[in-house]
Amino acid sequence: TERWRAALALAALVGILMRGFFYGWFGGHCYGSRYMLDVAALLLLGAAPLFDFLLANWRRAVLPIALFGLSAFIQWLGVARDYESWNILMGMTRETNAWNWRKSQILHCLTYGASTREPLAVSSAVNLPPNGVIRLKDDPTSPFLRYGFVYQEPHGNWAMPPRAGIAFNLSAPSALRLRVEVTSEYFPYEPTTVGLYLNGTKFGEIVILAKDFTFAQAPWFDVPAKLTKEGLNLLELRVSRVYYPYASPAPVGAAIRDVIVLPVGKK
């Protein structure tokens, strides 16, 4: 009994730590009976004597092991069915939903939607526009969006915690003038922040001090040439928090309108 209680206590601790320290991707995914996830491991502790009794004899263990497997399978089906209702997921539609075995739902979340996106056929698909303005607000299928975005009306695309990626192509390394137009709910005591990373290196941070869908206060950043490279470059937005403007099925991060990327020398 003590052996099982110790093993289950360790499993409960690991489960609680994983739930506590992992952001997850708040792109509309949820799990069946998700409110039980935090307490289920603790409930197992109370079942330690039963575990000890049933698993002491392998003949007695056959039925509970089969039931455990059936329970896990039912949960798996429940999770998959739950996903189908979330057709706002990045790249997930009714045509590529949870019943499509070619699209892993768990991998979809672990990669913030990147695994669902088709790879870029050619890097020229994300060449910078002549004026440097990448318009993202109303285009959830934009090839520039690589992962971590969801589309929710009325404001269009949202970058979700913990990270969202935008790819663009450069013909050669170059210093950049860069502006990311984002906004979110204003929290006076702990403002939402959006960390800006280019190819894995942080070059700036936006602190949202007002919800402003005119984006008039969006700052400009100077990005040194050493952070850029020839070919595909990845601009990553790391949003610090999620909030729920409506019911719990509608979490959002930071609304995005345009990203302006100007190689130095252009205006």
C-alpha atoms as a PDB file:
ATOM      1  CA  THR A   1       0.000   0.000   0.000  1.00  0.00           C
ATOM      2  CA  GLU A   2       2.742   2.441   0.938  1.00  0.00           C
ATOM      3  CA  ARG A   3       4.627   1.583  -2.216  1.00  0.00           C
ATOM      4  CA  TRP A   4       1.620   2.398  -4.376  1.00  0.00           C
ATOM      5  CA  ARG A   5       0.799   5.491  -2.375  1.00  0.00           C
ATOM      6  CA  ALA A   6       4.360   6.742  -2.871  1.00  0.00           C
ATOM      7  CA  ALA A   7       4.283   6.011  -6.606  1.00  0.00           C
ATOM      8  CA  LEU A   8       0.926   7.706  -7.067  1.00  0.00           C
ATOM      9  CA  ALA A   9       1.991  10.667  -4.940  1.00  0.00           C
ATOM     10  CA  LEU A  10       4.981  11.140  -7.232  1.00  0.00           C
ATOM     11  CA  ALA A  11       2.725  10.896 -10.289  1.00  0.00           C
ATOM     12  CA  ALA A  12       0.353  13.445  -8.755  1.00  0.00           C
ATOM     13  CA  LEU A  13       3.232  15.824  -8.034  1.00  0.00           C
ATOM     14  CA  VAL A  14       4.554  15.549 -11.583  1.00  0.00           C
ATOM     15  CA  GLY A  15       1.066  16.152 -12.975  1.00  0.00           C
ATOM     16  CA  ILE A  16       0.487  19.212 -10.817  1.00  0.00           C
ATOM     17  CA  LEU A  17       3.892  20.670 -11.680  1.00  0.00           C
ATOM     18  CA  MET A  18       3.313  20.164 -15.396  1.00  0.00           C
ATOM     19  CA  ARG A  19      -0.084  21.832 -15.167  1.00  0.00           C
ATOM     20  CA  GLY A  20       1.313  24.677 -13.099  1.00  0.00           C
ATOM     21  CA  PHE A  21       4.389  25.569 -15.128  1.00  0.00           C
ATOM     22  CA  PHE A  22       3.338  24.853 -18.706  1.00  0.00           C
ATOM     23  CA  TYR A  23       1.445  27.633 -20.469  1.00  0.00           C
ATOM     24  CA  GLY A  24      -0.104  25.412 -23.074  1.00  0.00           C
ATOM     25  CA  TRP A  25      -1.346  26.977 -26.284  1.00  0.00           C
ATOM     26  CA  PHE A  26      -4.579  28.834 -25.623  1.00  0.00           C
ATOM     27  CA  GLY A  27      -5.670  28.521 -29.210  1.00  0.00           C
ATOM     28  CA  GLY A  28      -9.093  27.202 -28.408  1.00  0.00           C
ATOM     29  CA  HIS A  29      -8.124  23.713 -27.289  1.00  0.00           C
ATOM     30  CA  CYS A  30      -9.516  22.045 -24.216  1.00  0.00           C
ATOM     31  CA  TYR A  31      -9.719  18.547 -22.823  1.00  0.00           C
ATOM     32  CA  GLY A  32     -12.775  16.591 -21.786  1.00  0.00           C
ATOM     33  CA  SER A  33     -13.470  16.785 -18.042  1.00  0.00           C
ATOM     34  CA  ARG A  34     -10.595  19.237 -17.850  1.00  0.00           C
ATOM     35  CA  TYR A  35     -11.645  20.449 -14.426  1.00  0.00           C
ATOM     36  CA  MET A  36     -10.893  16.959 -13.112  1.00  0.00           C
ATOM     37  CA  LEU A  37      -7.321  16.921 -14.371  1.00  0.00           C
ATOM     38  CA  ASP A  38      -5.851  18.628 -11.331  1.00  0.00           C
ATOM     39  CA  VAL A  39      -7.689  16.515  -8.773  1.00  0.00           C
ATOM     40  CA  ALA A  40      -7.675  13.156 -10.573  1.00  0.00           C
ATOM     41  CA  ALA A  41      -4.086  12.454  -9.583  1.00  0.00           C
ATOM     42  CA  LEU A  42      -4.886  13.206  -5.944  1.00  0.00           C
ATOM     43  CA  LEU A  43      -7.927  10.932  -6.062  1.00  0.00           C
ATOM     44  CA  LEU A  44      -5.606   8.121  -7.102  1.00  0.00           C
ATOM     45  CA  LEU A  45      -3.843   8.428  -3.762  1.00  0.00           C
ATOM     46  CA  GLY A  46      -7.009   7.338  -2.022  1.00  0.00           C
ATOM     47  CA  ALA A  47      -7.151   4.321  -4.321  1.00  0.00           C
ATOM     48  CA  ALA A  48      -3.669   3.126  -3.334  1.00  0.00           C
ATOM     49  CA  PRO A  49      -4.950   0.257  -1.132  1.00  0.00           C
ATOM     50  CA  LEU A  50      -7.163  -0.946  -3.988  1.00  0.00           C
ATOM     51  CA  PHE A  51      -4.227  -0.793  -6.408  1.00  0.00           C
ATOM     52  CA  ASP A  52      -2.171  -2.843  -3.986  1.00  0.00           C
ATOM     53  CA  PHE A  53      -4.897  -5.471  -3.637  1.00  0.00           C
ATOM     54  CA  LEU A  54      -5.751  -5.815  -7.315  1.00  0.00           C
ATOM     55  CA  LEU A  55      -2.237  -5.779  -8.702  1.00  0.00           C
ATOM     56  CA  ALA A  56      -0.740  -8.141  -6.153  1.00  0.00           C
ATOM     57  CA  ASN A  57      -2.139 -11.015  -8.210  1.00  0.00           C
ATOM     58  CA  TRP A  58      -1.868 -10.891 -11.991  1.00  0.00           C
ATOM     59  CA  ARG A  59      -5.152 -12.754 -12.474  1.00  0.00           C
ATOM     60  CA  ARG A  60      -6.933 -10.127 -10.427  1.00  0.00           C
ATOM     61  CA  ALA A  61      -5.039  -7.420 -12.301  1.00  0.00           C
ATOM     62  CA  VAL A  62      -6.363  -8.303 -15.773  1.00  0.00           C
ATOM     63  CA  LEU A  63      -9.765  -6.664 -15.303  1.00  0.00           C
ATOM     64  CA  PRO A  64      -8.593  -3.363 -13.740  1.00  0.00           C
ATOM     65  CA  ILE A  65      -5.805  -3.003 -16.302  1.00  0.00           C
ATOM     66  CA  ALA A  66      -8.350  -3.540 -19.081  1.00  0.00           C
ATOM     67  CA  LEU A  67     -10.639  -0.968 -17.468  1.00  0.00           C
ATOM     68  CA  PHE A  68      -7.762   1.507 -17.175  1.00  0.00           C
ATOM     69  CA  GLY A  69      -7.041   1.042 -20.877  1.00  0.00           C
ATOM     70  CA  LEU A  70     -10.710   1.453 -21.769  1.00  0.00           C
ATOM     71  CA  SER A  71     -10.914   4.618 -19.660  1.00  0.00           C
ATOM     72  CA  ALA A  72      -7.856   6.082 -21.390  1.00  0.00           C
ATOM     73  CA  PHE A  73      -9.325   5.207 -24.803  1.00  0.00           C
ATOM     74  CA  ILE A  74     -12.653   6.851 -23.942  1.00  0.00           C
ATOM     75  CA  GLN A  75     -10.798   9.960 -22.782  1.00  0.00           C
ATOM     76  CA  TRP A  76      -8.817   9.973 -26.020  1.00  0.00           C
ATOM     77  CA  LEU A  77     -12.040   9.827 -28.037  1.00  0.00           C
ATOM     78  CA  GLY A  78     -13.519  12.574 -25.879  1.00  0.00           C
ATOM     79  CA  VAL A  79     -10.518  14.806 -26.448  1.00  0.00           C
ATOM     80  CA  ALA A  80     -10.657  14.182 -30.182  1.00  0.00           C
ATOM     81  CA  ARG A  81     -14.380  14.926 -30.343  1.00  0.00           C
ATOM     82  CA  ASP A  82     -13.891  18.056 -28.265  1.00  0.00           C
ATOM     83  CA  TYR A  83     -11.339  19.282 -30.767  1.00  0.00           C
ATOM     84  CA  GLU A  84     -13.804  19.075 -33.631  1.00  0.00           C
ATOM     85  CA  SER A  85     -15.897  21.833 -32.087  1.00  0.00           C
ATOM     86  CA  TRP A  86     -12.882  24.139 -32.116  1.00  0.00           C
ATOM     87  CA  ASN A  87     -12.830  24.972 -35.792  1.00  0.00           C
ATOM     88  CA  ILE A  88     -11.123  28.299 -34.997  1.00  0.00           C
ATOM     89  CA  LEU A  89      -7.825  26.529 -34.400  1.00  0.00           C
ATOM     90  CA  MET A  90      -5.004  27.703 -36.609  1.00  0.00           C
ATOM     91  CA  GLY A  91      -5.204  25.582 -39.718  1.00  0.00           C
ATOM     92  CA  MET A  92      -7.918  23.349 -38.241  1.00  0.00           C
ATOM     93  CA  THR A  93     -11.229  23.394 -40.067  1.00  0.00           C
ATOM     94  CA  ARG A  94     -14.107  20.989 -40.472  1.00  0.00           C
ATOM     95  CA  GLU A  95     -12.144  19.439 -43.330  1.00  0.00           C
ATOM     96  CA  THR A  96      -8.978  18.847 -41.271  1.00  0.00           C
ATOM     97  CA  ASN A  97     -10.497  18.125 -37.896  1.00  0.00           C
ATOM     98  CA  ALA A  98      -9.972  15.649 -35.103  1.00  0.00           C
ATOM     99  CA  TRP A  99     -11.345  12.720 -37.061  1.00  0.00           C
ATOM    100  CA  ASN A 100      -8.564  13.066 -39.630  1.00  0.00           C
ATOM    101  CA  TRP A 101      -5.917  10.689 -38.331  1.00  0.00           C
ATOM    102  CA  ARG A 102      -3.298  12.391 -40.502  1.00  0.00           C
ATOM    103  CA  LYS A 103      -3.500  15.490 -38.295  1.00  0.00           C
ATOM    104  CA  SER A 104      -2.297  14.882 -34.745  1.00  0.00           C
ATOM    105  CA  GLN A 105      -4.305  16.979 -32.307  1.00  0.00           C
ATOM    106  CA  ILE A 106      -1.799  16.669 -29.483  1.00  0.00           C
ATOM    107  CA  LEU A 107       1.087  17.592 -31.785  1.00  0.00           C
ATOM    108  CA  HIS A 108      -1.032  20.480 -33.060  1.00  0.00           C
ATOM    109  CA  CYS A 109      -1.082  21.925 -29.541  1.00  0.00           C
ATOM    110  CA  LEU A 110       2.511  21.092 -28.639  1.00  0.00           C
ATOM    111  CA  THR A 111       3.701  22.956 -31.747  1.00  0.00           C
ATOM    112  CA  TYR A 112       1.180  25.812 -31.321  1.00  0.00           C
ATOM    113  CA  GLY A 113      -0.458  24.870 -34.596  1.00  0.00           C
ATOM    114  CA  ALA A 114       2.715  24.612 -36.679  1.00  0.00           C
ATOM    115  CA  SER A 115       2.284  20.892 -37.334  1.00  0.00           C
ATOM    116  CA  THR A 116      -1.098  21.533 -38.948  1.00  0.00           C
ATOM    117  CA  ARG A 117       0.236  24.164 -41.319  1.00  0.00           C
ATOM    118  CA  GLU A 118       1.523  22.914 -44.621  1.00  0.00           C
ATOM    119  CA  PRO A 119       5.233  23.730 -45.052  1.00  0.00           C
ATOM    120  CA  LEU A 120       6.061  26.672 -47.263  1.00  0.00           C
ATOM    121  CA  ALA A 121       6.371  25.452 -50.829  1.00  0.00           C
ATOM    122  CA  VAL A 122       8.780  28.261 -51.681  1.00  0.00           C
ATOM    123  CA  SER A 123      10.353  30.937 -49.506  1.00  0.00           C
ATOM    124  CA  SER A 124       9.279  33.573 -52.021  1.00  0.00           C
ATOM    125  CA  ALA A 125       5.727  33.104 -50.719  1.00  0.00           C
ATOM    126  CA  VAL A 126       6.740  35.273 -47.769  1.00  0.00           C
ATOM    127  CA  ASN A 127       8.793  37.906 -49.578  1.00  0.00           C
ATOM    128  CA  LEU A 128       8.320  41.323 -48.024  1.00  0.00           C
ATOM    129  CA  PRO A 129       5.788  43.526 -49.846  1.00  0.00           C
ATOM    130  CA  PRO A 130       7.354  46.541 -51.620  1.00  0.00           C
ATOM    131  CA  ASN A 131       6.151  48.880 -48.860  1.00  0.00           C
ATOM    132  CA  GLY A 132       7.161  46.454 -46.101  1.00  0.00           C
ATOM    133  CA  VAL A 133       3.623  46.213 -44.691  1.00  0.00           C
ATOM    134  CA  ILE A 134       2.527  42.651 -43.907  1.00  0.00           C
ATOM    135  CA  ARG A 135      -1.248  42.826 -43.459  1.00  0.00           C
ATOM    136  CA  LEU A 136      -2.383  40.121 -41.059  1.00  0.00           C
ATOM    137  CA  LYS A 137      -5.562  41.247 -39.316  1.00  0.00           C
ATOM    138  CA  ASP A 138      -8.176  39.663 -41.575  1.00  0.00           C
ATOM    139  CA  ASP A 139      -6.255  36.847 -43.249  1.00  0.00           C
ATOM    140  CA  PRO A 140      -6.018  33.648 -41.156  1.00  0.00           C
ATOM    141  CA  THR A 141      -4.580  31.786 -44.167  1.00  0.00           C
ATOM    142  CA  SER A 142      -1.695  34.209 -44.719  1.00  0.00           C
ATOM    143  CA  PRO A 143       1.532  32.278 -45.444  1.00  0.00           C
ATOM    144  CA  PHE A 144       3.367  34.716 -43.155  1.00  0.00           C
ATOM    145  CA  LEU A 145       1.546  33.213 -40.142  1.00  0.00           C
ATOM    146  CA  ARG A 146       3.375  30.043 -39.144  1.00  0.00           C
ATOM    147  CA  TYR A 147       2.083  29.110 -35.693  1.00  0.00           C
ATOM    148  CA  GLY A 148       0.371  30.333 -32.548  1.00  0.00           C
ATOM    149  CA  PHE A 149      -2.443  32.397 -34.089  1.00  0.00           C
ATOM    150  CA  VAL A 150      -6.213  32.066 -33.923  1.00  0.00           C
ATOM    151  CA  TYR A 151      -8.897  33.983 -35.738  1.00  0.00           C
ATOM    152  CA  GLN A 152     -11.732  35.442 -33.704  1.00  0.00           C
ATOM    153  CA  GLU A 153     -14.235  38.059 -34.709  1.00  0.00           C
ATOM    154  CA  PRO A 154     -14.586  40.978 -34.615  1.00  0.00           C
ATOM    155  CA  HIS A 155     -10.866  41.758 -34.436  1.00  0.00           C
ATOM    156  CA  GLY A 156      -9.408  39.032 -36.652  1.00  0.00           C
ATOM    157  CA  ASN A 157      -6.097  37.308 -35.903  1.00  0.00           C
ATOM    158  CA  TRP A 158      -4.740  37.037 -32.367  1.00  0.00           C
ATOM    159  CA  ALA A 159      -1.252  36.028 -31.260  1.00  0.00           C
ATOM    160  CA  MET A 160      -1.680  33.541 -28.429  1.00  0.00           C
ATOM    161  CA  PRO A 161       0.505  32.701 -25.415  1.00  0.00           C
ATOM    162  CA  PRO A 162       3.113  31.501 -25.064  1.00  0.00           C
ATOM    163  CA  ARG A 163       4.442  32.232 -28.575  1.00  0.00           C
ATOM    164  CA  ALA A 164       3.343  32.950 -32.122  1.00  0.00           C
ATOM    165  CA  GLY A 165       5.539  32.959 -35.210  1.00  0.00           C
ATOM    166  CA  ILE A 166       5.642  35.087 -38.371  1.00  0.00           C
ATOM    167  CA  ALA A 167       8.034  34.195 -41.197  1.00  0.00           C
ATOM    168  CA  PHE A 168       9.397  36.530 -43.844  1.00  0.00           C
ATOM    169  CA  ASN A 169      12.072  36.208 -46.499  1.00  0.00           C
ATOM    170  CA  LEU A 170      15.134  38.433 -46.932  1.00  0.00           C
ATOM    171  CA  SER A 171      17.425  38.365 -49.948  1.00  0.00           C
ATOM    172  CA  ALA A 172      20.381  39.277 -47.720  1.00  0.00           C
ATOM    173  CA  PRO A 173      21.062  40.115 -44.047  1.00  0.00           C
ATOM    174  CA  SER A 174      20.053  43.680 -43.318  1.00  0.00           C
ATOM    175  CA  ALA A 175      19.403  46.038 -40.441  1.00  0.00           C
ATOM    176  CA  LEU A 176      15.671  46.581 -40.073  1.00  0.00           C
ATOM    177  CA  ARG A 177      13.171  49.125 -38.878  1.00  0.00           C
ATOM    178  CA  LEU A 178      10.338  47.048 -37.508  1.00  0.00           C
ATOM    179  CA  ARG A 179       6.882  47.787 -36.113  1.00  0.00           C
ATOM    180  CA  VAL A 180       4.413  45.264 -34.733  1.00  0.00           C
ATOM    181  CA  GLU A 181       0.868  46.550 -34.304  1.00  0.00           C
ATOM    182  CA  VAL A 182      -0.666  44.626 -31.407  1.00  0.00           C
ATOM    183  CA  THR A 183      -3.079  45.400 -28.612  1.00  0.00           C
ATOM    184  CA  SER A 184      -4.826  43.551 -25.819  1.00  0.00           C
ATOM    185  CA  GLU A 185      -6.842  44.070 -22.677  1.00  0.00           C
ATOM    186  CA  TYR A 186      -5.270  46.503 -20.225  1.00  0.00           C
ATOM    187  CA  PHE A 187      -4.471  45.185 -16.762  1.00  0.00           C
ATOM    188  CA  PRO A 188      -3.282  48.128 -14.607  1.00  0.00           C
ATOM    189  CA  TYR A 189      -1.368  46.132 -11.991  1.00  0.00           C
ATOM    190  CA  GLU A 190       0.210  43.583 -14.319  1.00  0.00           C
ATOM    191  CA  PRO A 191       0.168  44.843 -17.912  1.00  0.00           C
ATOM    192  CA  THR A 192       0.234  42.395 -20.781  1.00  0.00           C
ATOM    193  CA  THR A 193       3.617  42.305 -22.488  1.00  0.00           C
ATOM    194  CA  VAL A 194       4.579  41.094 -25.944  1.00  0.00           C
ATOM    195  CA  GLY A 195       8.224  40.079 -26.230  1.00  0.00           C
ATOM    196  CA  LEU A 196       9.674  40.415 -29.738  1.00  0.00           C
ATOM    197  CA  TYR A 197      12.267  37.903 -30.924  1.00  0.00           C
ATOM    198  CA  LEU A 198      13.965  37.609 -34.288  1.00  0.00           C
ATOM    199  CA  ASN A 199      15.500  34.222 -35.060  1.00  0.00           C
ATOM    200  CA  GLY A 200      15.466  33.393 -31.349  1.00  0.00           C
ATOM    201  CA  THR A 201      17.053  36.620 -30.045  1.00  0.00           C
ATOM    202  CA  LYS A 202      15.018  39.213 -28.175  1.00  0.00           C
ATOM    203  CA  PHE A 203      15.224  42.724 -29.589  1.00  0.00           C
ATOM    204  CA  GLY A 204      12.294  44.480 -27.946  1.00  0.00           C
ATOM    205  CA  GLU A 205       9.179  44.333 -25.828  1.00  0.00           C
ATOM    206  CA  ILE A 206       5.784  45.992 -26.077  1.00  0.00           C
ATOM    207  CA  VAL A 207       4.003  46.821 -22.814  1.00  0.00           C
ATOM    208  CA  ILE A 208       0.286  47.257 -23.399  1.00  0.00           C
ATOM    209  CA  LEU A 209      -0.931  50.178 -21.290  1.00  0.00           C
ATOM    210  CA  ALA A 210      -4.238  50.705 -23.096  1.00  0.00           C
ATOM    211  CA  LYS A 211      -6.529  48.695 -25.326  1.00  0.00           C
ATOM    212  CA  ASP A 212      -6.166  50.619 -28.573  1.00  0.00           C
ATOM    213  CA  PHE A 213      -7.416  49.177 -31.846  1.00  0.00           C
ATOM    214  CA  THR A 214      -6.143  52.216 -33.744  1.00  0.00           C
ATOM    215  CA  PHE A 215      -2.584  51.057 -32.915  1.00  0.00           C
ATOM    216  CA  ALA A 216      -1.503  54.688 -32.883  1.00  0.00           C
ATOM    217  CA  GLN A 217       1.034  54.122 -30.102  1.00  0.00           C
ATOM    218  CA  ALA A 218       2.740  51.075 -31.626  1.00  0.00           C
ATOM    219  CA  PRO A 219       6.506  51.669 -31.279  1.00  0.00           C
ATOM    220  CA  TRP A 220       9.251  51.258 -33.869  1.00  0.00           C
ATOM    221  CA  PHE A 221      12.278  49.068 -33.166  1.00  0.00           C
ATOM    222  CA  ASP A 222      15.744  49.087 -34.708  1.00  0.00           C
ATOM    223  CA  VAL A 223      16.948  45.556 -35.396  1.00  0.00           C
ATOM    224  CA  PRO A 224      20.687  45.096 -36.047  1.00  0.00           C
ATOM    225  CA  ALA A 225      21.758  43.219 -39.154  1.00  0.00           C
ATOM    226  CA  LYS A 226      23.461  40.513 -37.069  1.00  0.00           C
ATOM    227  CA  LEU A 227      20.034  39.216 -35.991  1.00  0.00           C
ATOM    228  CA  THR A 228      18.900  38.699 -39.582  1.00  0.00           C
ATOM    229  CA  LYS A 229      19.945  36.188 -42.206  1.00  0.00           C
ATOM    230  CA  GLU A 230      19.508  35.455 -45.879  1.00  0.00           C
ATOM    231  CA  GLY A 231      16.362  33.460 -46.535  1.00  0.00           C
ATOM    232  CA  LEU A 232      13.604  32.770 -44.036  1.00  0.00           C
ATOM    233  CA  ASN A 233      13.597  34.821 -40.842  1.00  0.00           C
ATOM    234  CA  LEU A 234      11.287  34.085 -37.927  1.00  0.00           C
ATOM    235  CA  LEU A 235       9.699  36.903 -35.955  1.00  0.00           C
ATOM    236  CA  GLU A 236       8.277  35.514 -32.734  1.00  0.00           C
ATOM    237  CA  LEU A 237       5.727  37.233 -30.493  1.00  0.00           C
ATOM    238  CA  ARG A 238       5.695  36.009 -26.899  1.00  0.00           C
ATOM    239  CA  VAL A 239       2.497  37.195 -25.247  1.00  0.00           C
ATOM    240  CA  SER A 240       2.570  37.116 -21.450  1.00  0.00           C
ATOM    241  CA  ARG A 241      -1.049  36.268 -20.746  1.00  0.00           C
ATOM    242  CA  VAL A 242      -4.410  35.187 -22.063  1.00  0.00           C
ATOM    243  CA  TYR A 243      -7.755  36.677 -21.170  1.00  0.00           C
ATOM    244  CA  TYR A 244     -11.374  35.824 -21.811  1.00  0.00           C
ATOM    245  CA  PRO A 245     -13.475  38.654 -23.269  1.00  0.00           C
ATOM    246  CA  TYR A 246     -16.514  36.403 -23.582  1.00  0.00           C
ATOM    247  CA  ALA A 247     -17.129  32.914 -22.248  1.00  0.00           C
ATOM    248  CA  SER A 248     -14.293  30.533 -21.442  1.00  0.00           C
ATOM    249  CA  PRO A 249     -14.371  28.979 -24.949  1.00  0.00           C
ATOM    250  CA  ALA A 250     -13.095  32.265 -26.390  1.00  0.00           C
ATOM    251  CA  PRO A 251      -9.612  32.978 -24.993  1.00  0.00           C
ATOM    252  CA  VAL A 252      -7.525  35.592 -26.760  1.00  0.00           C
ATOM    253  CA  GLY A 253      -3.988  36.926 -26.452  1.00  0.00           C
ATOM    254  CA  ALA A 254      -2.913  40.017 -28.389  1.00  0.00           C
ATOM    255  CA  ALA A 255      -4.801  41.241 -31.460  1.00  0.00           C
ATOM    256  CA  ILE A 256      -2.542  41.939 -34.416  1.00  0.00           C
ATOM    257  CA  ARG A 257      -3.117  44.202 -37.413  1.00  0.00           C
ATOM    258  CA  ASP A 258       0.030  44.857 -39.455  1.00  0.00           C
ATOM    259  CA  VAL A 259       3.708  44.051 -39.153  1.00  0.00           C
ATOM    260  CA  ILE A 260       5.933  46.577 -40.920  1.00  0.00           C
ATOM    261  CA  VAL A 261       9.441  45.429 -41.828  1.00  0.00           C
ATOM    262  CA  LEU A 262      11.688  47.981 -43.542  1.00  0.00           C
ATOM    263  CA  PRO A 263      15.264  47.109 -44.459  1.00  0.00           C
ATOM    264  CA  VAL A 264      17.397  50.117 -43.547  1.00  0.00           C
ATOM    265  CA  GLY A 265      17.445  52.555 -46.443  1.00  0.00           C
ATOM    266  CA  LYS A 266      13.757  52.144 -47.244  1.00  0.00           C
ATOM    267  CA  LYS A 267      11.048  54.518 -46.039  1.00  0.00           C
END
